[in-house]
Amino acid sequence: MNTLIDMFARVERFHGAGFDKREIQRFLEMRERFTRAFTVALADVEILLFRLSYADPAPLRTLRRPVDAVFSAPLPEKKSP
C-alpha cells in the first residue's frame, strides 16, 4: 500500500525523477484527490498507508523461524566502570 505514497514523494521531492510529464501530471492529480480524501495538507509528509479489515481466522498458523535464525546484530560493547 505504500507505493502510492512513495510515488508522491518522488514527484514532489525529486521532481518526478524517472517519470515522463504525463505520469507526473497523473500523480499530481491523484495526490490532490488523496489530500482531499484524507484531509492532508500538501506540506504534510505521510510515512505509511495500510488497510485494516475483518477476516475469518486463518485455517493454519503460519510457521515462523526463530528470530535468531533470521536476524543478527553485533552485541553492544560493555563499558568499563
N, C-alpha and C. Protein backbone atom coordinates (compact mmCIF):
# COMPACT_ATOMS: atom_id res chain seq x y z
N MET A 1 0.81 -1.21 0.00
CA MET A 1 0.00 0.00 0.00
C MET A 1 0.85 1.27 0.00
N ASN A 2 2.11 1.14 0.29
CA ASN A 2 2.96 2.34 0.40
C ASN A 2 3.47 2.85 -0.94
N THR A 3 3.25 2.11 -2.00
CA THR A 3 3.77 2.52 -3.30
C THR A 3 3.26 3.89 -3.70
N LEU A 4 1.98 4.15 -3.50
CA LEU A 4 1.41 5.43 -3.88
C LEU A 4 2.09 6.58 -3.14
N ILE A 5 2.30 6.42 -1.85
CA ILE A 5 2.97 7.46 -1.07
C ILE A 5 4.40 7.66 -1.57
N ASP A 6 5.07 6.57 -1.91
CA ASP A 6 6.43 6.68 -2.45
C ASP A 6 6.44 7.44 -3.77
N MET A 7 5.46 7.19 -4.62
CA MET A 7 5.39 7.89 -5.91
C MET A 7 5.12 9.38 -5.71
N PHE A 8 4.25 9.71 -4.77
CA PHE A 8 4.00 11.13 -4.47
C PHE A 8 5.30 11.81 -4.05
N ALA A 9 6.05 11.16 -3.17
CA ALA A 9 7.31 11.74 -2.68
C ALA A 9 8.29 11.93 -3.83
N ARG A 10 8.34 10.96 -4.72
CA ARG A 10 9.26 11.06 -5.86
C ARG A 10 8.92 12.25 -6.75
N VAL A 11 7.64 12.46 -6.96
CA VAL A 11 7.20 13.60 -7.78
C VAL A 11 7.44 14.92 -7.05
N GLU A 12 7.08 14.98 -5.77
CA GLU A 12 7.15 16.23 -5.03
C GLU A 12 8.57 16.61 -4.61
N ARG A 13 9.39 15.64 -4.23
CA ARG A 13 10.70 15.96 -3.67
C ARG A 13 11.84 15.74 -4.64
N PHE A 14 11.62 14.91 -5.66
CA PHE A 14 12.70 14.61 -6.60
C PHE A 14 12.30 14.96 -8.03
N HIS A 15 11.35 15.87 -8.17
CA HIS A 15 10.94 16.41 -9.47
C HIS A 15 10.52 15.33 -10.45
N GLY A 16 9.95 14.24 -9.93
CA GLY A 16 9.43 13.18 -10.80
C GLY A 16 10.50 12.37 -11.50
N ALA A 17 11.67 12.26 -10.89
CA ALA A 17 12.78 11.53 -11.50
C ALA A 17 12.32 10.16 -11.98
N GLY A 18 12.55 9.88 -13.27
CA GLY A 18 12.19 8.59 -13.85
C GLY A 18 10.80 8.55 -14.46
N PHE A 19 9.99 9.59 -14.26
CA PHE A 19 8.65 9.63 -14.83
C PHE A 19 8.62 10.61 -16.00
N ASP A 20 7.74 10.35 -16.96
CA ASP A 20 7.56 11.34 -18.03
C ASP A 20 6.53 12.37 -17.58
N LYS A 21 6.33 13.41 -18.36
CA LYS A 21 5.44 14.51 -17.97
C LYS A 21 4.01 14.05 -17.75
N ARG A 22 3.54 13.12 -18.57
CA ARG A 22 2.18 12.62 -18.43
C ARG A 22 2.02 11.87 -17.10
N GLU A 23 3.00 11.06 -16.75
CA GLU A 23 2.94 10.32 -15.49
C GLU A 23 2.99 11.27 -14.29
N ILE A 24 3.85 12.27 -14.38
CA ILE A 24 3.93 13.26 -13.29
C ILE A 24 2.60 13.96 -13.10
N GLN A 25 1.97 14.36 -14.21
CA GLN A 25 0.67 15.04 -14.11
C GLN A 25 -0.37 14.13 -13.49
N ARG A 26 -0.35 12.86 -13.85
CA ARG A 26 -1.32 11.91 -13.28
C ARG A 26 -1.11 11.75 -11.78
N PHE A 27 0.15 11.65 -11.34
CA PHE A 27 0.42 11.54 -9.91
C PHE A 27 -0.01 12.80 -9.17
N LEU A 28 0.17 13.95 -9.78
CA LEU A 28 -0.27 15.20 -9.13
C LEU A 28 -1.79 15.22 -8.98
N GLU A 29 -2.49 14.71 -9.98
CA GLU A 29 -3.95 14.63 -9.89
C GLU A 29 -4.37 13.67 -8.78
N MET A 30 -3.71 12.52 -8.71
CA MET A 30 -4.02 11.55 -7.65
C MET A 30 -3.68 12.13 -6.28
N ARG A 31 -2.59 12.89 -6.21
CA ARG A 31 -2.18 13.50 -4.94
C ARG A 31 -3.25 14.47 -4.44
N GLU A 32 -3.79 15.24 -5.36
CA GLU A 32 -4.85 16.19 -4.98
C GLU A 32 -6.07 15.45 -4.44
N ARG A 33 -6.48 14.38 -5.09
CA ARG A 33 -7.62 13.58 -4.60
C ARG A 33 -7.30 12.95 -3.25
N PHE A 34 -6.07 12.46 -3.09
CA PHE A 34 -5.64 11.84 -1.84
C PHE A 34 -5.72 12.83 -0.69
N THR A 35 -5.23 14.06 -0.92
CA THR A 35 -5.23 15.06 0.16
C THR A 35 -6.65 15.46 0.54
N ARG A 36 -7.57 15.43 -0.40
CA ARG A 36 -8.97 15.73 -0.07
C ARG A 36 -9.60 14.57 0.69
N ALA A 37 -9.30 13.35 0.30
CA ALA A 37 -9.91 12.17 0.93
C ALA A 37 -9.45 11.98 2.37
N PHE A 38 -8.20 12.32 2.65
CA PHE A 38 -7.65 12.08 3.98
C PHE A 38 -7.37 13.36 4.76
N THR A 39 -7.83 14.49 4.29
CA THR A 39 -7.62 15.78 4.94
C THR A 39 -6.14 15.96 5.30
N VAL A 40 -5.32 15.87 4.28
CA VAL A 40 -3.87 16.02 4.43
C VAL A 40 -3.45 17.31 3.75
N ALA A 41 -2.67 18.11 4.44
CA ALA A 41 -2.13 19.32 3.84
C ALA A 41 -0.98 18.94 2.92
N LEU A 42 -0.76 19.71 1.86
CA LEU A 42 0.33 19.40 0.93
C LEU A 42 1.69 19.45 1.61
N ALA A 43 1.81 20.19 2.70
CA ALA A 43 3.09 20.27 3.41
C ALA A 43 3.31 19.07 4.33
N ASP A 44 2.27 18.27 4.58
CA ASP A 44 2.41 17.07 5.42
C ASP A 44 3.20 15.99 4.69
N VAL A 45 3.81 15.13 5.45
CA VAL A 45 4.55 14.01 4.88
C VAL A 45 4.00 12.72 5.48
N GLU A 46 3.43 11.89 4.63
CA GLU A 46 2.91 10.61 5.09
C GLU A 46 4.06 9.61 5.13
N ILE A 47 4.00 8.68 6.07
CA ILE A 47 5.04 7.68 6.13
C ILE A 47 4.52 6.27 5.92
N LEU A 48 3.22 6.08 6.08
CA LEU A 48 2.69 4.72 5.98
C LEU A 48 1.21 4.76 5.65
N LEU A 49 0.82 3.90 4.74
CA LEU A 49 -0.58 3.75 4.39
C LEU A 49 -0.87 2.25 4.43
N PHE A 50 -1.89 1.86 5.16
CA PHE A 50 -2.21 0.45 5.25
C PHE A 50 -3.71 0.27 5.35
N ARG A 51 -4.14 -0.97 5.16
CA ARG A 51 -5.56 -1.29 5.17
C ARG A 51 -5.84 -2.23 6.34
N LEU A 52 -6.90 -1.95 7.07
CA LEU A 52 -7.38 -2.83 8.13
C LEU A 52 -8.71 -3.40 7.70
N SER A 53 -8.92 -4.66 8.02
CA SER A 53 -10.20 -5.26 7.68
C SER A 53 -10.47 -6.45 8.59
N TYR A 54 -11.69 -6.91 8.57
CA TYR A 54 -12.07 -8.11 9.29
C TYR A 54 -11.90 -9.31 8.36
N ALA A 55 -11.48 -10.42 8.92
CA ALA A 55 -11.31 -11.63 8.12
C ALA A 55 -11.58 -12.84 8.98
N ASP A 56 -11.87 -13.94 8.33
CA ASP A 56 -12.04 -15.19 9.05
C ASP A 56 -10.68 -15.61 9.61
N PRO A 57 -10.68 -16.36 10.71
CA PRO A 57 -9.41 -16.84 11.24
C PRO A 57 -8.68 -17.71 10.21
N ALA A 58 -7.37 -17.65 10.23
CA ALA A 58 -6.57 -18.47 9.32
C ALA A 58 -6.77 -19.93 9.68
N PRO A 59 -6.91 -20.80 8.69
CA PRO A 59 -7.13 -22.22 8.99
C PRO A 59 -5.90 -22.86 9.63
N LEU A 60 -4.72 -22.37 9.29
CA LEU A 60 -3.47 -22.88 9.86
C LEU A 60 -2.60 -21.70 10.27
N ARG A 61 -1.86 -21.90 11.32
CA ARG A 61 -0.93 -20.87 11.75
C ARG A 61 0.29 -20.88 10.83
N THR A 62 0.77 -19.73 10.44
CA THR A 62 1.95 -19.62 9.60
C THR A 62 3.18 -20.01 10.41
N LEU A 63 3.99 -20.88 9.84
CA LEU A 63 5.21 -21.29 10.52
C LEU A 63 6.21 -20.13 10.53
N ARG A 64 6.89 -19.95 11.62
CA ARG A 64 7.87 -18.88 11.76
C ARG A 64 9.20 -19.46 12.19
N ARG A 65 10.26 -18.89 11.67
CA ARG A 65 11.59 -19.25 12.14
C ARG A 65 11.89 -18.46 13.39
N PRO A 66 12.76 -18.99 14.25
CA PRO A 66 13.15 -18.22 15.43
C PRO A 66 13.88 -16.94 14.98
N VAL A 67 13.71 -15.88 15.72
CA VAL A 67 14.33 -14.61 15.38
C VAL A 67 15.84 -14.77 15.19
N ASP A 68 16.49 -15.53 16.05
CA ASP A 68 17.93 -15.73 15.95
C ASP A 68 18.34 -16.38 14.64
N ALA A 69 17.45 -17.10 14.00
CA ALA A 69 17.78 -17.77 12.74
C ALA A 69 17.76 -16.83 11.55
N VAL A 70 17.10 -15.68 11.69
CA VAL A 70 16.97 -14.77 10.55
C VAL A 70 17.52 -13.37 10.80
N PHE A 71 17.90 -13.07 12.02
CA PHE A 71 18.36 -11.73 12.36
C PHE A 71 19.61 -11.83 13.23
N SER A 72 20.58 -11.04 12.89
CA SER A 72 21.77 -10.97 13.75
C SER A 72 22.25 -9.53 13.80
N ALA A 73 22.76 -9.17 14.92
CA ALA A 73 23.29 -7.82 15.12
C ALA A 73 24.41 -7.92 16.14
N PRO A 74 25.43 -7.10 15.99
CA PRO A 74 26.52 -7.15 16.98
C PRO A 74 26.01 -6.72 18.35
N LEU A 75 26.50 -7.39 19.36
CA LEU A 75 26.14 -7.00 20.72
C LEU A 75 26.85 -5.70 21.08
N PRO A 76 26.20 -4.84 21.83
CA PRO A 76 26.87 -3.59 22.23
C PRO A 76 28.05 -3.91 23.14
N GLU A 77 29.08 -3.11 22.98
CA GLU A 77 30.26 -3.31 23.82
C GLU A 77 29.97 -2.88 25.24
N LYS A 78 30.49 -3.65 26.20
CA LYS A 78 30.31 -3.30 27.60
C LYS A 78 31.32 -2.22 27.95
N LYS A 79 30.86 -1.20 28.62
CA LYS A 79 31.74 -0.11 29.03
C LYS A 79 32.34 -0.42 30.39
N SER A 80 33.59 -0.12 30.51
CA SER A 80 34.28 -0.32 31.78
C SER A 80 33.88 0.75 32.79
N PRO A 81 33.78 0.38 34.07
CA PRO A 81 33.39 1.39 35.08
C PRO A 81 34.49 2.39 35.32
